[in-house]
Amino acid sequence: MPINETLSQYSDWSFESAFTIYVLAFVLLIAQYASAKATAAQAKELVGAGAPVAQSRPGLVVEAPKRPLSDRLASMGFALLAPALALHVLAVVLRGFATHRFPLGNMYEFVTMATAAAALTSVIALRKKTMRPMLVFVLAPIIVLMFFAATKLYADAAPVVPALRSYWLPIHVTIVSVGSGILLVSGVASLLFLLRIKQPLGEESVGFWGKFASKLPDAQALDRLAYKTTIVAFPLFGAGVILGAIWAEAAWGRFWGWDPKETMSFITWIIYAAYLHARATSGWRNTRAAWINVAGFTAMLFNLFIINMVVSGLHSYAGLN
């Protein structure tokens, strides 16, 4: 069927609009992070707020305390994520309608789906006020990946190559892209945990890193977030690898051939399995497990960009010239 150029253009506009709103939300959240007080200081203020209030005189109108600027900026930044995410998902849907196929036929479409999954995970996992300071650090890689996708990975709406014309495409690639998006949040959480564990809550140093870390959630909250998101993404990623092997048997006559993409996906899955094992093992639960999670995140990015763009193999369907 011919490509619907109008819907393709609408998809591109939706992607660009989503990117613009994400950037605006990012600016607001940076301003919020810069103006916020340290987490320990906020906790003391909340305790102080529970103190008895002096009895007011009859007829005296007591003004309600104004919300701090950082709270208002955080609320505005978080509120912008809803329309940005809606436009982001709309870009994926319109791309599919424009091409009359599932929109996961090249790296541009894969990154668009994965970043949408990461944004949705952020909205759900970081909705609590205590976790919102982390939003700015998750939005940063989402914005960078979207910018790279739009400028370096973009491919015109077109039919997929014959090898991808299979019902396995939406099953295998959707699961992997969603799992990758969730693992992005997990990787960022572990990186921040490694910083926070060196700057404990209420015991931060007076230097730059102490001030930088003082506004983050406590180390235990970051560690729990990394673990919970990996618990969700790990079986998805593993299922994607298994379903990919089944598709390979149908397409190439073998389940496994040690193709670079297959091999790196398997290595990435093994690293995340090691992280979950280390996270449940005494003596490995803190920084060692977090470093393994960071290694898994690095392997996933290496698999996405280096393997697809540099190494030649049976999975070379990036859509790049």
Protein backbone atom coordinates (compact mmCIF):
# COMPACT_ATOMS: atom_id res chain seq x y z
CA MET A 1 0.00 0.00 0.00
CA PRO A 2 1.23 3.57 -0.71
CA ILE A 3 2.62 5.65 2.15
CA ASN A 4 0.25 8.26 3.55
CA GLU A 5 2.46 11.33 3.41
CA THR A 6 -0.03 13.47 5.33
CA LEU A 7 -0.08 11.14 8.34
CA SER A 8 3.68 10.81 8.12
CA GLN A 9 4.01 14.59 8.34
CA TYR A 10 1.62 14.70 11.29
CA SER A 11 3.71 12.02 12.99
CA ASP A 12 6.86 14.10 12.55
CA TRP A 13 5.10 17.20 13.89
CA SER A 14 3.85 15.25 16.91
CA PHE A 15 7.38 14.01 17.59
CA GLU A 16 8.82 17.51 17.32
CA SER A 17 6.07 18.96 19.53
CA ALA A 18 6.66 16.29 22.15
CA PHE A 19 10.39 17.01 22.06
CA THR A 20 9.77 20.74 22.51
CA ILE A 21 7.49 20.20 25.51
CA TYR A 22 9.96 17.74 27.06
CA VAL A 23 12.67 20.41 26.76
CA LEU A 24 10.41 23.00 28.40
CA ALA A 25 9.61 20.58 31.23
CA PHE A 26 13.34 19.86 31.56
CA VAL A 27 14.13 23.59 31.93
CA LEU A 28 11.45 23.97 34.61
CA LEU A 29 12.72 20.90 36.47
CA ILE A 30 16.31 22.17 36.31
CA ALA A 31 15.12 25.45 37.82
CA GLN A 32 13.23 23.48 40.46
CA TYR A 33 16.29 21.40 41.31
CA ALA A 34 18.48 24.49 41.56
CA SER A 35 16.03 26.34 43.82
CA ALA A 36 15.01 23.39 46.01
CA LYS A 37 16.28 22.98 49.50
CA ALA A 38 18.21 19.91 50.59
CA THR A 39 16.11 16.82 51.28
CA ALA A 40 17.14 16.76 54.94
CA ALA A 41 16.15 20.43 55.35
CA GLN A 42 12.75 19.73 53.78
CA ALA A 43 12.20 16.87 56.21
CA LYS A 44 12.98 19.16 59.17
CA GLU A 45 10.52 21.75 57.87
CA LEU A 46 7.80 19.12 57.59
CA VAL A 47 8.43 18.06 61.19
CA GLY A 48 8.35 21.70 62.28
CA ALA A 49 5.08 22.21 60.48
CA GLY A 50 3.45 19.78 62.87
CA ALA A 51 4.12 22.01 65.88
CA PRO A 52 1.12 23.55 67.68
CA VAL A 53 -0.11 26.80 66.17
CA ALA A 54 -0.51 29.81 68.40
CA GLN A 55 -4.17 30.75 69.06
CA SER A 56 -5.22 33.63 66.82
CA ARG A 57 -7.22 36.64 67.97
CA PRO A 58 -10.88 36.94 66.93
CA GLY A 59 -11.23 38.61 63.55
CA LEU A 60 -7.60 38.09 62.64
CA VAL A 61 -7.18 36.60 59.18
CA VAL A 62 -4.09 34.43 58.94
CA GLU A 63 -2.61 34.17 55.48
CA ALA A 64 -1.99 30.68 54.20
CA PRO A 65 1.72 30.08 53.59
CA LYS A 66 2.74 30.34 49.96
CA ARG A 67 4.02 27.28 48.21
CA PRO A 68 7.78 27.42 47.72
CA LEU A 69 8.94 28.34 44.23
CA SER A 70 10.60 24.94 43.81
CA ASP A 71 7.27 23.17 44.48
CA ARG A 72 5.49 25.28 41.89
CA LEU A 73 8.20 24.69 39.30
CA ALA A 74 8.12 20.95 39.99
CA SER A 75 4.34 20.85 39.58
CA MET A 76 4.50 22.76 36.29
CA GLY A 77 7.30 20.57 34.95
CA PHE A 78 5.50 17.37 35.91
CA ALA A 79 2.22 18.63 34.44
CA LEU A 80 3.91 19.23 31.07
CA LEU A 81 4.91 15.58 30.86
CA ALA A 82 1.29 14.52 30.22
CA PRO A 83 0.80 16.41 26.91
CA ALA A 84 4.38 15.61 25.88
CA LEU A 85 3.82 11.90 26.44
CA ALA A 86 0.47 12.01 24.64
CA LEU A 87 2.10 13.63 21.59
CA HIS A 88 4.99 11.18 21.81
CA VAL A 89 2.64 8.19 21.68
CA LEU A 90 0.62 9.89 18.93
CA ALA A 91 3.79 10.16 16.82
CA VAL A 92 4.23 6.39 17.10
CA VAL A 93 0.59 5.67 16.24
CA LEU A 94 0.49 8.05 13.26
CA ARG A 95 3.73 6.59 11.93
CA GLY A 96 2.10 3.18 11.96
CA PHE A 97 -1.02 4.37 10.15
CA ALA A 98 1.08 6.24 7.61
CA THR A 99 3.13 3.14 6.71
CA HIS A 100 0.34 0.54 7.18
CA ARG A 101 2.60 -1.50 9.44
CA PHE A 102 3.78 -1.63 13.01
CA PRO A 103 6.14 1.37 13.47
CA LEU A 104 9.28 -0.48 14.52
CA GLY A 105 11.07 -1.02 11.23
CA ASN A 106 14.23 1.06 11.81
CA MET A 107 16.30 2.66 14.56
CA TYR A 108 14.41 5.95 14.46
CA GLU A 109 11.14 4.17 15.18
CA PHE A 110 12.74 1.89 17.81
CA VAL A 111 14.23 4.84 19.73
CA THR A 112 10.91 6.70 19.50
CA MET A 113 9.12 3.74 21.08
CA ALA A 114 11.80 3.13 23.72
CA THR A 115 11.90 6.78 24.83
CA ALA A 116 8.10 6.84 25.03
CA ALA A 117 8.28 3.78 27.32
CA ALA A 118 10.94 5.51 29.44
CA ALA A 119 8.82 8.67 29.72
CA LEU A 120 5.73 6.66 30.73
CA THR A 121 7.76 4.74 33.31
CA SER A 122 9.04 8.04 34.72
CA VAL A 123 5.56 9.51 35.05
CA ILE A 124 4.39 6.42 36.93
CA ALA A 125 7.45 5.65 39.05
CA LEU A 126 8.37 9.26 39.93
CA ARG A 127 4.90 10.66 40.56
CA LYS A 128 5.50 11.00 44.31
CA LYS A 129 6.76 14.38 45.41
CA THR A 130 9.78 12.87 47.15
CA MET A 131 10.93 11.21 43.91
CA ARG A 132 10.32 14.10 41.51
CA PRO A 133 13.83 15.60 41.85
CA MET A 134 15.01 12.56 39.88
CA LEU A 135 12.82 13.47 36.89
CA VAL A 136 15.35 15.91 35.49
CA PHE A 137 17.98 13.16 35.32
CA VAL A 138 15.66 10.78 33.47
CA LEU A 139 14.44 13.46 31.06
CA ALA A 140 18.03 14.34 30.09
CA PRO A 141 18.81 11.00 28.32
CA ILE A 142 15.28 10.90 26.85
CA ILE A 143 15.81 14.32 25.26
CA VAL A 144 19.31 13.41 24.05
CA LEU A 145 18.07 10.16 22.49
CA MET A 146 15.12 11.89 20.81
CA PHE A 147 17.40 14.60 19.43
CA PHE A 148 19.81 11.98 18.11
CA ALA A 149 16.93 10.01 16.60
CA ALA A 150 15.54 13.08 14.83
CA THR A 151 18.88 14.34 13.50
CA LYS A 152 20.97 11.20 12.86
CA LEU A 153 18.61 8.21 12.81
CA TYR A 154 15.60 9.67 11.03
CA ALA A 155 14.24 7.58 8.18
CA ASP A 156 11.39 8.55 5.89
CA ALA A 157 8.16 6.63 6.32
CA ALA A 158 8.45 3.59 4.07
CA PRO A 159 7.64 -0.11 3.92
CA VAL A 160 10.00 -2.40 5.83
CA VAL A 161 12.51 -4.65 4.12
CA PRO A 162 11.11 -8.10 3.17
CA ALA A 163 12.91 -9.84 6.04
CA LEU A 164 10.87 -7.81 8.56
CA ARG A 165 7.48 -8.46 7.01
CA SER A 166 6.36 -10.85 9.69
CA TYR A 167 3.88 -10.94 12.55
CA TRP A 168 6.90 -11.42 14.81
CA LEU A 169 7.97 -7.80 14.25
CA PRO A 170 5.36 -6.19 16.55
CA ILE A 171 5.75 -8.97 19.11
CA HIS A 172 9.54 -9.21 19.35
CA VAL A 173 10.57 -5.60 18.80
CA THR A 174 7.79 -4.03 20.92
CA ILE A 175 8.74 -6.14 23.94
CA VAL A 176 12.44 -5.31 23.55
CA SER A 177 11.85 -1.57 23.03
CA VAL A 178 9.53 -1.28 26.03
CA GLY A 179 11.94 -3.26 28.20
CA SER A 180 14.81 -1.04 27.06
CA GLY A 181 12.85 2.09 27.95
CA ILE A 182 12.17 0.82 31.47
CA LEU A 183 15.81 -0.20 31.91
CA LEU A 184 16.84 3.38 31.07
CA VAL A 185 15.07 4.53 34.26
CA SER A 186 16.73 1.73 36.21
CA GLY A 187 20.19 2.66 34.94
CA VAL A 188 19.78 6.33 35.84
CA ALA A 189 18.51 5.36 39.31
CA SER A 190 21.60 3.21 39.95
CA LEU A 191 23.95 5.99 38.81
CA LEU A 192 22.28 8.43 41.20
CA PHE A 193 22.34 5.78 43.95
CA LEU A 194 26.12 5.45 43.59
CA LEU A 195 26.42 9.20 44.07
CA ARG A 196 23.96 9.29 46.95
CA ILE A 197 25.61 6.43 48.84
CA LYS A 198 28.79 8.55 49.02
CA GLN A 199 26.76 11.57 50.15
CA PRO A 200 24.35 10.15 52.75
CA LEU A 201 21.17 12.03 53.60
CA GLY A 202 21.97 14.77 56.12
CA GLU A 203 25.72 14.08 55.94
CA GLU A 204 26.55 15.65 52.60
CA SER A 205 29.92 17.32 52.10
CA VAL A 206 30.20 21.08 51.64
CA GLY A 207 31.58 20.82 48.11
CA PHE A 208 29.84 20.68 44.75
CA TRP A 209 28.88 17.00 44.87
CA GLY A 210 27.48 17.34 48.36
CA LYS A 211 25.23 20.22 47.34
CA PHE A 212 24.31 18.41 44.12
CA ALA A 213 23.34 15.19 45.93
CA SER A 214 21.58 16.90 48.84
CA LYS A 215 18.38 17.38 46.83
CA LEU A 216 18.14 13.77 45.65
CA PRO A 217 15.95 11.14 47.30
CA ASP A 218 17.76 9.00 49.87
CA ALA A 219 19.94 6.11 48.68
CA GLN A 220 17.45 3.43 49.71
CA ALA A 221 14.66 5.00 47.62
CA LEU A 222 16.93 5.16 44.55
CA ASP A 223 18.05 1.57 45.07
CA ARG A 224 14.45 0.36 45.38
CA LEU A 225 13.49 2.21 42.20
CA ALA A 226 16.36 0.63 40.25
CA TYR A 227 15.45 -2.82 41.55
CA LYS A 228 11.70 -2.56 40.96
CA THR A 229 12.05 -1.25 37.42
CA THR A 230 14.55 -4.00 36.58
CA ILE A 231 12.19 -6.62 38.02
CA VAL A 232 9.59 -5.45 35.48
CA ALA A 233 11.97 -5.00 32.51
CA PHE A 234 14.11 -8.13 32.98
CA PRO A 235 11.42 -10.68 32.01
CA LEU A 236 10.31 -8.44 29.15
CA PHE A 237 13.84 -8.23 27.77
CA GLY A 238 14.33 -11.96 28.26
CA ALA A 239 11.05 -12.74 26.51
CA GLY A 240 12.14 -10.47 23.65
CA VAL A 241 15.38 -12.46 23.25
CA ILE A 242 13.51 -15.80 23.30
CA LEU A 243 10.87 -14.62 20.83
CA GLY A 244 13.65 -13.26 18.62
CA ALA A 245 15.19 -16.73 18.56
CA ILE A 246 11.86 -18.23 17.52
CA TRP A 247 11.57 -15.63 14.74
CA ALA A 248 15.14 -16.42 13.66
CA GLU A 249 14.24 -20.09 13.28
CA ALA A 250 11.28 -19.15 11.10
CA ALA A 251 13.28 -16.66 9.01
CA TRP A 252 16.76 -18.21 8.80
CA GLY A 253 16.21 -21.84 9.76
CA ARG A 254 18.05 -21.73 13.11
CA PHE A 255 17.23 -20.50 16.61
CA TRP A 256 20.69 -19.13 17.38
CA GLY A 257 23.64 -18.24 15.20
CA TRP A 258 25.82 -15.99 17.38
CA ASP A 259 25.02 -12.98 15.23
CA PRO A 260 26.51 -9.82 16.88
CA LYS A 261 23.06 -8.53 17.85
CA GLU A 262 21.98 -11.88 19.26
CA THR A 263 25.23 -12.28 21.18
CA MET A 264 25.17 -8.79 22.70
CA SER A 265 21.50 -9.10 23.64
CA PHE A 266 22.29 -12.36 25.44
CA ILE A 267 25.25 -10.77 27.25
CA THR A 268 23.06 -7.83 28.30
CA TRP A 269 20.40 -10.20 29.63
CA ILE A 270 23.06 -12.16 31.58
CA ILE A 271 24.37 -8.93 33.15
CA TYR A 272 20.89 -7.97 34.33
CA ALA A 273 20.38 -11.48 35.70
CA ALA A 274 23.65 -11.03 37.61
CA TYR A 275 22.40 -7.70 38.96
CA LEU A 276 19.19 -9.22 40.30
CA HIS A 277 21.18 -12.06 41.87
CA ALA A 278 23.68 -9.64 43.40
CA ARG A 279 20.88 -7.41 44.67
CA ALA A 280 19.52 -10.38 46.65
CA THR A 281 22.95 -11.48 47.92
CA SER A 282 24.35 -10.25 51.22
CA GLY A 283 27.52 -8.23 50.75
CA TRP A 284 26.67 -7.35 47.14
CA ARG A 285 23.46 -5.46 47.74
CA ASN A 286 24.85 -1.95 47.79
CA THR A 287 27.44 -0.54 45.42
CA ARG A 288 28.51 -3.82 43.78
CA ALA A 289 25.00 -4.62 42.59
CA ALA A 290 24.49 -1.03 41.42
CA TRP A 291 27.68 -1.15 39.34
CA ILE A 292 26.48 -4.36 37.68
CA ASN A 293 23.22 -2.60 36.82
CA VAL A 294 25.17 0.30 35.31
CA ALA A 295 27.19 -2.24 33.29
CA GLY A 296 23.93 -3.72 32.00
CA PHE A 297 22.69 -0.27 31.01
CA THR A 298 25.98 0.40 29.19
CA ALA A 299 25.75 -2.94 27.39
CA MET A 300 22.19 -2.15 26.31
CA LEU A 301 23.26 1.21 24.81
CA PHE A 302 26.25 -0.45 23.14
CA ASN A 303 23.93 -3.05 21.64
CA LEU A 304 21.53 -0.40 20.38
CA PHE A 305 23.99 2.00 18.77
CA ILE A 306 27.39 0.39 18.18
CA ILE A 307 26.11 -3.02 17.08
CA ASN A 308 23.39 -1.52 14.88
CA MET A 309 25.44 1.31 13.36
CA VAL A 310 28.99 -0.05 13.20
CA VAL A 311 28.93 -3.85 13.19
CA SER A 312 27.49 -5.65 10.18
CA GLY A 313 25.19 -8.60 10.77
CA LEU A 314 21.85 -10.21 10.07
CA HIS A 315 20.14 -7.52 12.20
CA SER A 316 21.42 -4.59 10.11
CA TYR A 317 18.05 -2.93 9.57
CA ALA A 318 18.86 0.48 11.08
CA GLY A 319 17.39 2.38 8.13
CA LEU A 320 20.54 4.50 7.81
CA ASN A 321 22.26 5.41 4.59
